[in-house]
Amino acid sequence: MATRIERLVTSGQFTLDGGTWDVDNNVWLVGDDHEVVVIDAAHDADAIAEAVGDRRLTAIVCTHAHNDHIDAAPALADRTGATIWLHPDDLPLWKQTHPDRDPDAHLVDGQIIEAAGADLTVLHTPGHAPGAVCLHDPGLGVVFTGDTLFQGGPGATGRSYSHFPTIIDSIRNRLLALPPDTKVLTGHGDPTTIGAEAPHLQEWIDRGH
């Protein structure tokens, strides 16, 4: 079975530091006809479960713990028995949304999450959030960047738990080191490539200061 990547867009709200914003999130499903992992269970457990269908959901991987990326994770895990993975540096953010439910397992930089022929290597890329991670699959030629890198620049760093110089270091050292034709699949909005974003690093730095 060929491994494939599916995108589901769900809508809801992002809440932090007393503000609330309407957002559309990308939920990524990686797998084949039998087995799948979900990257970022956002907003709508029913819609995600429908996209999973009768496949075995083995893991729910959280790129970071802002509420709009994790709000549906416990409900989805309870329905499917999937393991919720989160980097431990984001536990304080997770607890703001799910005070009574911990993630099931801790992501570690360099570990590989396997699913249906995909090998997702965890890259710890703090900055947007302390425990932000990206997931790189060289075989598929993709990196799932959550809110670390978008088409047009880095994720936002204007709120609690975020830090602009840190996200720049993460992008420069971890993401821009990937092959230029690597497809960047983001937490919101349209895909891009490493090669399309790399030339703009200095602009982002200048803009951020």
N, C-alpha and C. Protein backbone atom coordinates (compact mmCIF):
# COMPACT_ATOMS: atom_id res chain seq x y z
N MET A 1 0.85 -1.20 0.00
CA MET A 1 0.00 0.00 0.00
C MET A 1 0.88 1.25 0.00
N ALA A 2 0.58 2.14 -0.89
CA ALA A 2 1.35 3.38 -0.92
C ALA A 2 0.93 4.28 0.24
N THR A 3 1.94 4.88 0.85
CA THR A 3 1.66 5.85 1.91
C THR A 3 1.13 7.13 1.27
N ARG A 4 0.12 7.70 1.87
CA ARG A 4 -0.42 8.95 1.33
C ARG A 4 -0.66 9.95 2.45
N ILE A 5 -0.77 11.20 2.04
CA ILE A 5 -1.00 12.30 2.98
C ILE A 5 -2.33 12.95 2.62
N GLU A 6 -3.17 13.11 3.62
CA GLU A 6 -4.47 13.76 3.41
C GLU A 6 -4.56 14.98 4.31
N ARG A 7 -5.23 16.01 3.79
CA ARG A 7 -5.44 17.23 4.59
C ARG A 7 -6.92 17.41 4.85
N LEU A 8 -7.22 17.65 6.11
CA LEU A 8 -8.58 18.00 6.53
C LEU A 8 -8.48 19.39 7.16
N VAL A 9 -9.36 20.31 6.77
CA VAL A 9 -9.37 21.64 7.36
C VAL A 9 -10.55 21.73 8.33
N THR A 10 -10.25 22.06 9.58
CA THR A 10 -11.29 22.23 10.60
C THR A 10 -11.26 23.67 11.09
N SER A 11 -12.38 24.12 11.60
CA SER A 11 -12.51 25.51 12.03
C SER A 11 -12.90 25.58 13.50
N GLY A 12 -12.36 26.59 14.17
CA GLY A 12 -12.68 26.78 15.58
C GLY A 12 -12.05 28.07 16.07
N GLN A 13 -11.63 28.06 17.32
CA GLN A 13 -11.07 29.27 17.92
C GLN A 13 -9.74 28.99 18.60
N PHE A 14 -8.86 29.97 18.49
CA PHE A 14 -7.58 29.95 19.20
C PHE A 14 -7.68 30.95 20.34
N THR A 15 -7.35 30.50 21.54
CA THR A 15 -7.46 31.34 22.73
C THR A 15 -6.13 31.32 23.49
N LEU A 16 -5.60 32.51 23.76
CA LEU A 16 -4.38 32.63 24.57
C LEU A 16 -4.27 34.06 25.08
N ASP A 17 -3.75 34.19 26.29
CA ASP A 17 -3.49 35.52 26.87
C ASP A 17 -4.74 36.39 26.90
N GLY A 18 -5.91 35.76 27.06
CA GLY A 18 -7.14 36.53 27.19
C GLY A 18 -7.79 36.92 25.89
N GLY A 19 -7.19 36.58 24.76
CA GLY A 19 -7.78 36.89 23.45
C GLY A 19 -8.28 35.63 22.78
N THR A 20 -9.25 35.80 21.88
CA THR A 20 -9.79 34.68 21.12
C THR A 20 -9.91 35.07 19.65
N TRP A 21 -9.49 34.16 18.77
CA TRP A 21 -9.50 34.42 17.35
C TRP A 21 -10.12 33.22 16.63
N ASP A 22 -10.89 33.48 15.58
CA ASP A 22 -11.40 32.39 14.72
C ASP A 22 -10.28 31.93 13.80
N VAL A 23 -10.11 30.61 13.71
CA VAL A 23 -9.01 30.06 12.91
C VAL A 23 -9.47 28.82 12.14
N ASP A 24 -8.81 28.61 11.00
CA ASP A 24 -8.92 27.35 10.26
C ASP A 24 -7.60 26.61 10.42
N ASN A 25 -7.69 25.35 10.79
CA ASN A 25 -6.48 24.54 11.03
C ASN A 25 -6.37 23.41 10.03
N ASN A 26 -5.13 23.10 9.66
CA ASN A 26 -4.87 21.91 8.87
C ASN A 26 -4.66 20.73 9.80
N VAL A 27 -5.43 19.68 9.58
CA VAL A 27 -5.23 18.39 10.25
C VAL A 27 -4.65 17.46 9.19
N TRP A 28 -3.49 16.89 9.46
CA TRP A 28 -2.83 16.03 8.48
C TRP A 28 -2.97 14.57 8.88
N LEU A 29 -3.34 13.74 7.91
CA LEU A 29 -3.42 12.30 8.11
C LEU A 29 -2.37 11.65 7.22
N VAL A 30 -1.52 10.81 7.82
CA VAL A 30 -0.45 10.14 7.09
C VAL A 30 -0.64 8.64 7.28
N GLY A 31 -0.76 7.91 6.17
CA GLY A 31 -0.94 6.47 6.31
C GLY A 31 -1.34 5.81 5.01
N ASP A 32 -1.97 4.65 5.14
CA ASP A 32 -2.45 3.92 3.97
C ASP A 32 -3.89 3.48 4.21
N ASP A 33 -4.30 2.40 3.56
CA ASP A 33 -5.70 1.97 3.70
C ASP A 33 -5.99 1.30 5.04
N HIS A 34 -4.93 0.98 5.79
CA HIS A 34 -5.13 0.21 7.02
C HIS A 34 -4.78 0.96 8.30
N GLU A 35 -3.80 1.84 8.20
CA GLU A 35 -3.24 2.46 9.40
C GLU A 35 -2.93 3.93 9.10
N VAL A 36 -3.08 4.76 10.12
CA VAL A 36 -2.88 6.20 9.89
C VAL A 36 -2.45 6.87 11.19
N VAL A 37 -1.72 7.97 11.07
CA VAL A 37 -1.47 8.86 12.20
C VAL A 37 -2.09 10.22 11.87
N VAL A 38 -2.50 10.91 12.91
CA VAL A 38 -3.04 12.27 12.78
C VAL A 38 -2.03 13.24 13.36
N ILE A 39 -1.76 14.28 12.60
CA ILE A 39 -0.91 15.37 13.10
C ILE A 39 -1.81 16.56 13.39
N ASP A 40 -1.92 16.91 14.66
CA ASP A 40 -2.72 18.03 15.17
C ASP A 40 -4.23 17.79 15.06
N ALA A 41 -4.81 17.29 16.14
CA ALA A 41 -6.25 17.02 16.20
C ALA A 41 -6.98 18.31 16.59
N ALA A 42 -7.33 19.07 15.56
CA ALA A 42 -7.88 20.42 15.79
C ALA A 42 -9.40 20.43 15.72
N HIS A 43 -10.02 20.94 16.75
CA HIS A 43 -11.41 21.41 16.78
C HIS A 43 -12.50 20.36 16.72
N ASP A 44 -12.39 19.36 15.83
CA ASP A 44 -13.57 18.57 15.48
C ASP A 44 -13.24 17.08 15.45
N ALA A 45 -13.40 16.43 16.61
CA ALA A 45 -13.07 15.00 16.69
C ALA A 45 -13.94 14.18 15.74
N ASP A 46 -15.20 14.56 15.55
CA ASP A 46 -16.08 13.81 14.66
C ASP A 46 -15.57 13.84 13.23
N ALA A 47 -15.21 15.01 12.75
CA ALA A 47 -14.73 15.15 11.37
C ALA A 47 -13.43 14.39 11.16
N ILE A 48 -12.55 14.43 12.16
CA ILE A 48 -11.28 13.72 12.04
C ILE A 48 -11.52 12.21 12.06
N ALA A 49 -12.39 11.76 12.95
CA ALA A 49 -12.71 10.33 13.01
C ALA A 49 -13.32 9.85 11.70
N GLU A 50 -14.12 10.70 11.08
CA GLU A 50 -14.72 10.35 9.79
C GLU A 50 -13.64 10.23 8.72
N ALA A 51 -12.65 11.12 8.76
CA ALA A 51 -11.55 11.06 7.78
C ALA A 51 -10.68 9.82 8.00
N VAL A 52 -10.52 9.42 9.26
CA VAL A 52 -9.77 8.20 9.57
C VAL A 52 -10.53 6.98 9.05
N GLY A 53 -11.85 7.01 9.19
CA GLY A 53 -12.67 5.92 8.71
C GLY A 53 -12.43 4.65 9.51
N ASP A 54 -12.33 3.51 8.81
CA ASP A 54 -12.16 2.25 9.53
C ASP A 54 -10.70 1.86 9.67
N ARG A 55 -9.80 2.81 9.40
CA ARG A 55 -8.37 2.54 9.58
C ARG A 55 -8.00 2.59 11.05
N ARG A 56 -6.90 1.96 11.39
CA ARG A 56 -6.41 2.00 12.77
C ARG A 56 -5.63 3.29 12.97
N LEU A 57 -6.09 4.11 13.90
CA LEU A 57 -5.37 5.35 14.24
C LEU A 57 -4.37 5.03 15.34
N THR A 58 -3.08 5.07 15.01
CA THR A 58 -2.08 4.64 15.98
C THR A 58 -1.56 5.78 16.84
N ALA A 59 -1.54 6.99 16.30
CA ALA A 59 -0.94 8.10 17.04
C ALA A 59 -1.60 9.42 16.66
N ILE A 60 -1.70 10.29 17.66
CA ILE A 60 -2.10 11.68 17.46
C ILE A 60 -0.89 12.51 17.89
N VAL A 61 -0.21 13.08 16.92
CA VAL A 61 1.02 13.81 17.20
C VAL A 61 0.72 15.30 17.24
N CYS A 62 1.08 15.95 18.34
CA CYS A 62 0.82 17.38 18.51
C CYS A 62 2.09 18.16 18.17
N THR A 63 2.00 19.04 17.17
CA THR A 63 3.18 19.85 16.84
C THR A 63 3.49 20.86 17.94
N HIS A 64 2.47 21.25 18.69
CA HIS A 64 2.64 22.10 19.88
C HIS A 64 1.29 22.11 20.59
N ALA A 65 1.22 22.78 21.72
CA ALA A 65 0.03 22.64 22.57
C ALA A 65 -0.85 23.88 22.63
N HIS A 66 -0.80 24.75 21.63
CA HIS A 66 -1.83 25.79 21.57
C HIS A 66 -3.18 25.11 21.39
N ASN A 67 -4.20 25.69 22.02
CA ASN A 67 -5.48 24.98 22.12
C ASN A 67 -6.06 24.60 20.76
N ASP A 68 -5.82 25.42 19.73
CA ASP A 68 -6.44 25.13 18.44
C ASP A 68 -5.82 23.92 17.74
N HIS A 69 -4.69 23.43 18.25
CA HIS A 69 -4.06 22.24 17.67
C HIS A 69 -4.33 20.97 18.47
N ILE A 70 -4.84 21.12 19.69
CA ILE A 70 -4.99 19.96 20.58
C ILE A 70 -6.39 19.80 21.15
N ASP A 71 -7.32 20.72 20.82
CA ASP A 71 -8.59 20.71 21.56
C ASP A 71 -9.39 19.43 21.33
N ALA A 72 -9.23 18.78 20.16
CA ALA A 72 -9.99 17.56 19.89
C ALA A 72 -9.20 16.29 20.21
N ALA A 73 -7.96 16.43 20.67
CA ALA A 73 -7.10 15.25 20.83
C ALA A 73 -7.64 14.23 21.84
N PRO A 74 -8.02 14.63 23.05
CA PRO A 74 -8.50 13.62 24.00
C PRO A 74 -9.75 12.89 23.51
N ALA A 75 -10.70 13.61 22.93
CA ALA A 75 -11.92 12.95 22.45
C ALA A 75 -11.60 11.96 21.33
N LEU A 76 -10.68 12.35 20.45
CA LEU A 76 -10.30 11.46 19.36
C LEU A 76 -9.57 10.23 19.89
N ALA A 77 -8.69 10.45 20.87
CA ALA A 77 -7.96 9.33 21.47
C ALA A 77 -8.91 8.38 22.19
N ASP A 78 -9.88 8.94 22.89
CA ASP A 78 -10.82 8.09 23.62
C ASP A 78 -11.63 7.22 22.66
N ARG A 79 -11.95 7.74 21.50
CA ARG A 79 -12.74 6.99 20.52
C ARG A 79 -11.92 5.91 19.83
N THR A 80 -10.64 6.15 19.64
CA THR A 80 -9.84 5.30 18.77
C THR A 80 -8.76 4.50 19.48
N GLY A 81 -8.45 4.87 20.72
CA GLY A 81 -7.36 4.22 21.43
C GLY A 81 -5.98 4.69 21.00
N ALA A 82 -5.92 5.75 20.20
CA ALA A 82 -4.63 6.25 19.73
C ALA A 82 -3.85 6.91 20.87
N THR A 83 -2.54 6.90 20.72
CA THR A 83 -1.63 7.53 21.69
C THR A 83 -1.46 9.00 21.34
N ILE A 84 -1.62 9.89 22.33
CA ILE A 84 -1.37 11.32 22.12
C ILE A 84 0.09 11.61 22.47
N TRP A 85 0.83 12.15 21.51
CA TRP A 85 2.23 12.49 21.68
C TRP A 85 2.41 14.00 21.74
N LEU A 86 3.19 14.47 22.72
CA LEU A 86 3.47 15.90 22.87
C LEU A 86 4.88 16.06 23.45
N HIS A 87 5.57 17.10 23.00
CA HIS A 87 6.87 17.40 23.62
C HIS A 87 6.64 17.93 25.04
N PRO A 88 7.38 17.44 26.02
CA PRO A 88 7.11 17.80 27.42
C PRO A 88 7.26 19.30 27.71
N ASP A 89 8.05 20.03 26.91
CA ASP A 89 8.20 21.46 27.16
C ASP A 89 6.89 22.23 26.94
N ASP A 90 5.93 21.59 26.30
CA ASP A 90 4.64 22.26 26.07
C ASP A 90 3.56 21.84 27.06
N LEU A 91 3.93 21.10 28.10
CA LEU A 91 2.92 20.68 29.08
C LEU A 91 2.20 21.85 29.75
N PRO A 92 2.90 22.97 30.07
CA PRO A 92 2.16 24.09 30.67
C PRO A 92 1.05 24.63 29.76
N LEU A 93 1.31 24.68 28.45
CA LEU A 93 0.27 25.11 27.51
C LEU A 93 -0.84 24.06 27.41
N TRP A 94 -0.45 22.80 27.36
CA TRP A 94 -1.45 21.73 27.29
C TRP A 94 -2.42 21.82 28.46
N LYS A 95 -1.88 22.06 29.65
CA LYS A 95 -2.70 22.08 30.87
C LYS A 95 -3.72 23.22 30.86
N GLN A 96 -3.45 24.27 30.08
CA GLN A 96 -4.44 25.35 29.98
C GLN A 96 -5.71 24.86 29.30
N THR A 97 -5.58 23.91 28.38
CA THR A 97 -6.73 23.39 27.64
C THR A 97 -7.28 22.12 28.26
N HIS A 98 -6.40 21.25 28.71
CA HIS A 98 -6.81 19.94 29.24
C HIS A 98 -6.20 19.72 30.63
N PRO A 99 -6.71 20.43 31.64
CA PRO A 99 -6.11 20.31 32.98
C PRO A 99 -6.22 18.92 33.58
N ASP A 100 -7.20 18.14 33.15
CA ASP A 100 -7.45 16.84 33.78
C ASP A 100 -7.02 15.65 32.93
N ARG A 101 -6.32 15.91 31.82
CA ARG A 101 -5.93 14.81 30.93
C ARG A 101 -4.51 15.09 30.42
N ASP A 102 -3.59 14.19 30.74
CA ASP A 102 -2.22 14.35 30.25
C ASP A 102 -2.07 13.71 28.87
N PRO A 103 -1.09 14.17 28.09
CA PRO A 103 -0.73 13.40 26.89
C PRO A 103 -0.27 12.01 27.31
N ASP A 104 -0.30 11.07 26.38
CA ASP A 104 0.07 9.69 26.72
C ASP A 104 1.56 9.44 26.64
N ALA A 105 2.27 10.20 25.82
CA ALA A 105 3.69 9.95 25.59
C ALA A 105 4.40 11.24 25.23
N HIS A 106 5.69 11.28 25.52
CA HIS A 106 6.49 12.49 25.30
C HIS A 106 7.34 12.36 24.04
N LEU A 107 7.22 13.33 23.17
CA LEU A 107 8.07 13.40 22.00
C LEU A 107 9.49 13.77 22.40
N VAL A 108 10.47 13.17 21.73
CA VAL A 108 11.88 13.45 21.97
C VAL A 108 12.53 13.78 20.63
N ASP A 109 13.36 14.80 20.63
CA ASP A 109 14.06 15.18 19.41
C ASP A 109 14.79 13.97 18.83
N GLY A 110 14.59 13.73 17.53
CA GLY A 110 15.29 12.65 16.86
C GLY A 110 14.54 11.32 16.82
N GLN A 111 13.48 11.19 17.61
CA GLN A 111 12.75 9.93 17.56
C GLN A 111 11.99 9.81 16.25
N ILE A 112 11.65 8.59 15.88
CA ILE A 112 10.93 8.35 14.64
C ILE A 112 9.58 7.71 14.97
N ILE A 113 8.53 8.33 14.45
CA ILE A 113 7.18 7.77 14.59
C ILE A 113 6.84 7.10 13.27
N GLU A 114 6.57 5.80 13.33
CA GLU A 114 6.30 5.03 12.12
C GLU A 114 4.80 4.85 11.94
N ALA A 115 4.39 4.91 10.68
CA ALA A 115 3.00 4.62 10.38
C ALA A 115 2.88 4.26 8.91
N ALA A 116 2.49 3.03 8.65
CA ALA A 116 2.10 2.65 7.30
C ALA A 116 3.11 3.08 6.26
N GLY A 117 4.36 2.81 6.52
CA GLY A 117 5.40 3.13 5.54
C GLY A 117 6.00 4.51 5.68
N ALA A 118 5.42 5.34 6.52
CA ALA A 118 5.99 6.67 6.78
C ALA A 118 6.92 6.59 7.99
N ASP A 119 8.00 7.34 7.93
CA ASP A 119 8.92 7.46 9.06
C ASP A 119 9.06 8.94 9.39
N LEU A 120 8.34 9.38 10.41
CA LEU A 120 8.30 10.79 10.77
C LEU A 120 9.35 11.06 11.85
N THR A 121 10.40 11.79 11.46
CA THR A 121 11.45 12.13 12.41
C THR A 121 11.08 13.42 13.13
N VAL A 122 11.14 13.38 14.46
CA VAL A 122 10.78 14.53 15.29
C VAL A 122 11.95 15.51 15.34
N LEU A 123 11.67 16.75 14.95
CA LEU A 123 12.64 17.84 15.07
C LEU A 123 12.10 18.83 16.10
N HIS A 124 12.79 18.98 17.23
CA HIS A 124 12.36 19.96 18.23
C HIS A 124 12.70 21.35 17.71
N THR A 125 11.67 22.17 17.49
CA THR A 125 11.86 23.50 16.89
C THR A 125 11.17 24.56 17.74
N PRO A 126 11.70 24.84 18.93
CA PRO A 126 11.04 25.81 19.81
C PRO A 126 11.04 27.21 19.21
N GLY A 127 10.17 28.05 19.76
CA GLY A 127 10.10 29.45 19.33
C GLY A 127 8.66 29.92 19.32
N HIS A 128 7.82 29.27 18.51
CA HIS A 128 6.39 29.58 18.54
C HIS A 128 5.80 29.10 19.86
N ALA A 129 6.31 27.97 20.33
CA ALA A 129 6.00 27.42 21.65
C ALA A 129 7.23 26.65 22.09
N PRO A 130 7.43 26.49 23.40
CA PRO A 130 8.67 25.85 23.87
C PRO A 130 8.84 24.41 23.40
N GLY A 131 7.72 23.71 23.27
CA GLY A 131 7.78 22.31 22.88
C GLY A 131 7.36 22.08 21.44
N ALA A 132 7.43 23.12 20.62
CA ALA A 132 7.04 22.96 19.21
C ALA A 132 7.97 21.97 18.52
N VAL A 133 7.37 21.11 17.68
CA VAL A 133 8.15 20.17 16.89
C VAL A 133 7.69 20.23 15.44
N CYS A 134 8.60 19.82 14.55
CA CYS A 134 8.26 19.55 13.16
C CYS A 134 8.52 18.06 12.91
N LEU A 135 7.87 17.53 11.90
CA LEU A 135 7.98 16.10 11.60
C LEU A 135 8.44 15.96 10.16
N HIS A 136 9.63 15.36 9.98
CA HIS A 136 10.24 15.27 8.66
C HIS A 136 10.23 13.83 8.17
N ASP A 137 9.73 13.62 6.98
CA ASP A 137 9.80 12.31 6.35
C ASP A 137 10.58 12.44 5.05
N PRO A 138 11.88 12.05 5.05
CA PRO A 138 12.69 12.18 3.84
C PRO A 138 12.15 11.36 2.68
N GLY A 139 11.59 10.18 3.00
CA GLY A 139 11.07 9.32 1.95
C GLY A 139 9.90 9.95 1.21
N LEU A 140 9.04 10.64 1.93
CA LEU A 140 7.91 11.32 1.33
C LEU A 140 8.27 12.72 0.84
N GLY A 141 9.44 13.21 1.26
CA GLY A 141 9.88 14.54 0.83
C GLY A 141 9.07 15.67 1.44
N VAL A 142 8.61 15.46 2.68
CA VAL A 142 7.77 16.47 3.33
C VAL A 142 8.26 16.76 4.75
N VAL A 143 7.93 17.95 5.22
CA VAL A 143 8.08 18.28 6.63
C VAL A 143 6.79 18.95 7.09
N PHE A 144 6.24 18.43 8.17
CA PHE A 144 5.05 19.03 8.79
C PHE A 144 5.54 20.03 9.82
N THR A 145 5.24 21.31 9.62
CA THR A 145 5.88 22.35 10.43
C THR A 145 4.98 22.95 11.50
N GLY A 146 3.73 22.50 11.61
CA GLY A 146 2.86 23.10 12.61
C GLY A 146 2.80 24.61 12.40
N ASP A 147 3.09 25.37 13.47
CA ASP A 147 3.09 26.83 13.34
C ASP A 147 4.51 27.40 13.42
N THR A 148 5.52 26.57 13.10
CA THR A 148 6.90 27.06 13.14
C THR A 148 7.27 27.80 11.86
N LEU A 149 6.90 27.24 10.70
CA LEU A 149 7.22 27.88 9.42
C LEU A 149 6.01 27.83 8.52
N PHE A 150 5.68 28.99 7.93
CA PHE A 150 4.57 29.11 7.00
C PHE A 150 5.07 29.59 5.64
N GLN A 151 4.17 29.57 4.67
CA GLN A 151 4.44 30.25 3.41
C GLN A 151 4.56 31.74 3.75
N GLY A 152 5.77 32.28 3.62
CA GLY A 152 5.97 33.70 3.92
C GLY A 152 6.64 34.01 5.23
N GLY A 153 6.98 32.98 6.01
CA GLY A 153 7.76 33.30 7.19
C GLY A 153 7.45 32.48 8.43
N PRO A 154 8.09 32.85 9.54
CA PRO A 154 7.93 32.11 10.79
C PRO A 154 6.56 32.31 11.41
N GLY A 155 6.22 31.37 12.28
CA GLY A 155 5.00 31.52 13.06
C GLY A 155 5.08 32.69 14.02
N ALA A 156 3.93 33.06 14.55
CA ALA A 156 3.85 34.23 15.44
C ALA A 156 4.61 34.00 16.74
N THR A 157 5.23 35.06 17.24
CA THR A 157 5.95 34.97 18.51
C THR A 157 5.58 36.13 19.44
N GLY A 158 4.39 36.67 19.28
CA GLY A 158 4.02 37.85 20.07
C GLY A 158 3.30 37.54 21.37
N ARG A 159 3.10 36.25 21.67
CA ARG A 159 2.31 35.91 22.85
C ARG A 159 3.14 35.08 23.83
N SER A 160 2.49 34.72 24.94
CA SER A 160 3.19 33.99 26.00
C SER A 160 3.84 32.71 25.47
N TYR A 161 4.94 32.36 26.08
CA TYR A 161 5.67 31.11 25.80
C TYR A 161 6.36 31.11 24.43
N SER A 162 6.38 32.25 23.74
CA SER A 162 7.02 32.28 22.42
C SER A 162 8.18 33.27 22.42
N HIS A 163 9.10 33.11 21.44
CA HIS A 163 10.33 33.89 21.45
C HIS A 163 10.89 33.96 20.04
N PHE A 164 11.01 35.18 19.50
CA PHE A 164 11.39 35.34 18.10
C PHE A 164 12.80 34.85 17.78
N PRO A 165 13.84 35.23 18.54
CA PRO A 165 15.17 34.71 18.18
C PRO A 165 15.24 33.19 18.21
N THR A 166 14.46 32.57 19.10
CA THR A 166 14.47 31.10 19.18
C THR A 166 13.85 30.47 17.95
N ILE A 167 12.74 31.03 17.46
CA ILE A 167 12.11 30.44 16.28
C ILE A 167 13.01 30.62 15.06
N ILE A 168 13.71 31.74 14.98
CA ILE A 168 14.65 31.96 13.87
C ILE A 168 15.77 30.93 13.91
N ASP A 169 16.31 30.67 15.10
CA ASP A 169 17.35 29.64 15.24
C ASP A 169 16.82 28.27 14.81
N SER A 170 15.59 27.95 15.23
CA SER A 170 15.00 26.66 14.87
C SER A 170 14.85 26.52 13.36
N ILE A 171 14.35 27.57 12.73
CA ILE A 171 14.16 27.52 11.27
C ILE A 171 15.49 27.43 10.56
N ARG A 172 16.44 28.25 10.98
CA ARG A 172 17.74 28.28 10.31
C ARG A 172 18.47 26.94 10.46
N ASN A 173 18.50 26.42 11.67
CA ASN A 173 19.35 25.26 11.95
C ASN A 173 18.69 23.93 11.65
N ARG A 174 17.36 23.86 11.79
CA ARG A 174 16.69 22.57 11.65
C ARG A 174 15.94 22.44 10.32
N LEU A 175 15.25 23.50 9.92
CA LEU A 175 14.38 23.38 8.74
C LEU A 175 15.10 23.75 7.45
N LEU A 176 15.82 24.86 7.44
CA LEU A 176 16.48 25.28 6.21
C LEU A 176 17.64 24.36 5.85
N ALA A 177 18.01 23.46 6.77
CA ALA A 177 19.04 22.45 6.48
C ALA A 177 18.48 21.29 5.67
N LEU A 178 17.16 21.22 5.54
CA LEU A 178 16.53 20.13 4.78
C LEU A 178 16.68 20.41 3.29
N PRO A 179 16.52 19.37 2.45
CA PRO A 179 16.64 19.58 1.00
C PRO A 179 15.66 20.64 0.50
N PRO A 180 16.08 21.48 -0.45
CA PRO A 180 15.25 22.61 -0.90
C PRO A 180 13.90 22.19 -1.47
N ASP A 181 13.82 20.97 -2.05
CA ASP A 181 12.55 20.57 -2.64
C ASP A 181 11.61 19.93 -1.62
N THR A 182 11.99 19.95 -0.34
CA THR A 182 11.12 19.40 0.71
C THR A 182 9.84 20.22 0.79
N LYS A 183 8.71 19.55 0.71
CA LYS A 183 7.42 20.24 0.79
C LYS A 183 7.10 20.56 2.24
N VAL A 184 6.69 21.79 2.50
CA VAL A 184 6.38 22.26 3.84
C VAL A 184 4.86 22.25 4.02
N LEU A 185 4.38 21.35 4.89
CA LEU A 185 2.95 21.23 5.16
C LEU A 185 2.68 21.85 6.52
N THR A 186 1.92 22.94 6.51
CA THR A 186 1.82 23.86 7.64
C THR A 186 0.58 23.61 8.48
N GLY A 187 0.55 24.24 9.65
CA GLY A 187 -0.58 24.10 10.55
C GLY A 187 -1.80 24.90 10.14
N HIS A 188 -1.57 25.93 9.34
CA HIS A 188 -2.66 26.76 8.78
C HIS A 188 -2.23 27.15 7.37
N GLY A 189 -3.20 27.28 6.47
CA GLY A 189 -2.89 27.84 5.16
C GLY A 189 -2.25 26.85 4.20
N ASP A 190 -1.65 27.41 3.15
CA ASP A 190 -1.20 26.62 2.02
C ASP A 190 0.23 26.12 2.20
N PRO A 191 0.55 25.00 1.54
CA PRO A 191 1.92 24.47 1.59
C PRO A 191 2.91 25.39 0.89
N THR A 192 4.19 25.14 1.16
CA THR A 192 5.27 25.83 0.46
C THR A 192 6.41 24.81 0.35
N THR A 193 7.61 25.28 0.05
CA THR A 193 8.78 24.40 0.07
C THR A 193 9.90 25.08 0.84
N ILE A 194 10.85 24.26 1.29
CA ILE A 194 12.03 24.82 1.97
C ILE A 194 12.76 25.79 1.04
N GLY A 195 12.90 25.39 -0.22
CA GLY A 195 13.61 26.23 -1.18
C GLY A 195 12.95 27.57 -1.43
N ALA A 196 11.63 27.60 -1.35
CA ALA A 196 10.91 28.86 -1.58
C ALA A 196 11.07 29.82 -0.41
N GLU A 197 11.23 29.28 0.80
CA GLU A 197 11.30 30.13 1.99
C GLU A 197 12.72 30.52 2.36
N ALA A 198 13.69 29.64 2.07
CA ALA A 198 15.06 29.85 2.54
C ALA A 198 15.67 31.21 2.17
N PRO A 199 15.44 31.72 0.96
CA PRO A 199 16.09 33.00 0.61
C PRO A 199 15.62 34.19 1.44
N HIS A 200 14.53 34.02 2.19
CA HIS A 200 13.92 35.17 2.87
C HIS A 200 14.29 35.27 4.34
N LEU A 201 15.19 34.39 4.80
CA LEU A 201 15.51 34.37 6.23
C LEU A 201 15.94 35.74 6.75
N GLN A 202 16.84 36.41 6.05
CA GLN A 202 17.34 37.69 6.54
C GLN A 202 16.22 38.73 6.59
N GLU A 203 15.32 38.68 5.61
CA GLU A 203 14.17 39.61 5.65
C GLU A 203 13.36 39.43 6.92
N TRP A 204 13.12 38.16 7.27
CA TRP A 204 12.31 37.88 8.47
C TRP A 204 13.03 38.41 9.70
N ILE A 205 14.34 38.22 9.74
CA ILE A 205 15.11 38.69 10.90
C ILE A 205 15.02 40.20 10.99
N ASP A 206 15.19 40.88 9.85
CA ASP A 206 15.12 42.34 9.85
C ASP A 206 13.73 42.83 10.27
N ARG A 207 12.71 42.11 9.78
CA ARG A 207 11.32 42.50 10.07
C ARG A 207 10.99 42.26 11.53
N GLY A 208 11.63 41.24 12.11
CA GLY A 208 11.28 40.86 13.48
C GLY A 208 11.90 41.72 14.55
N HIS A 209 12.90 42.50 14.17
CA HIS A 209 13.58 43.31 15.18
C HIS A 209 13.02 44.72 15.23
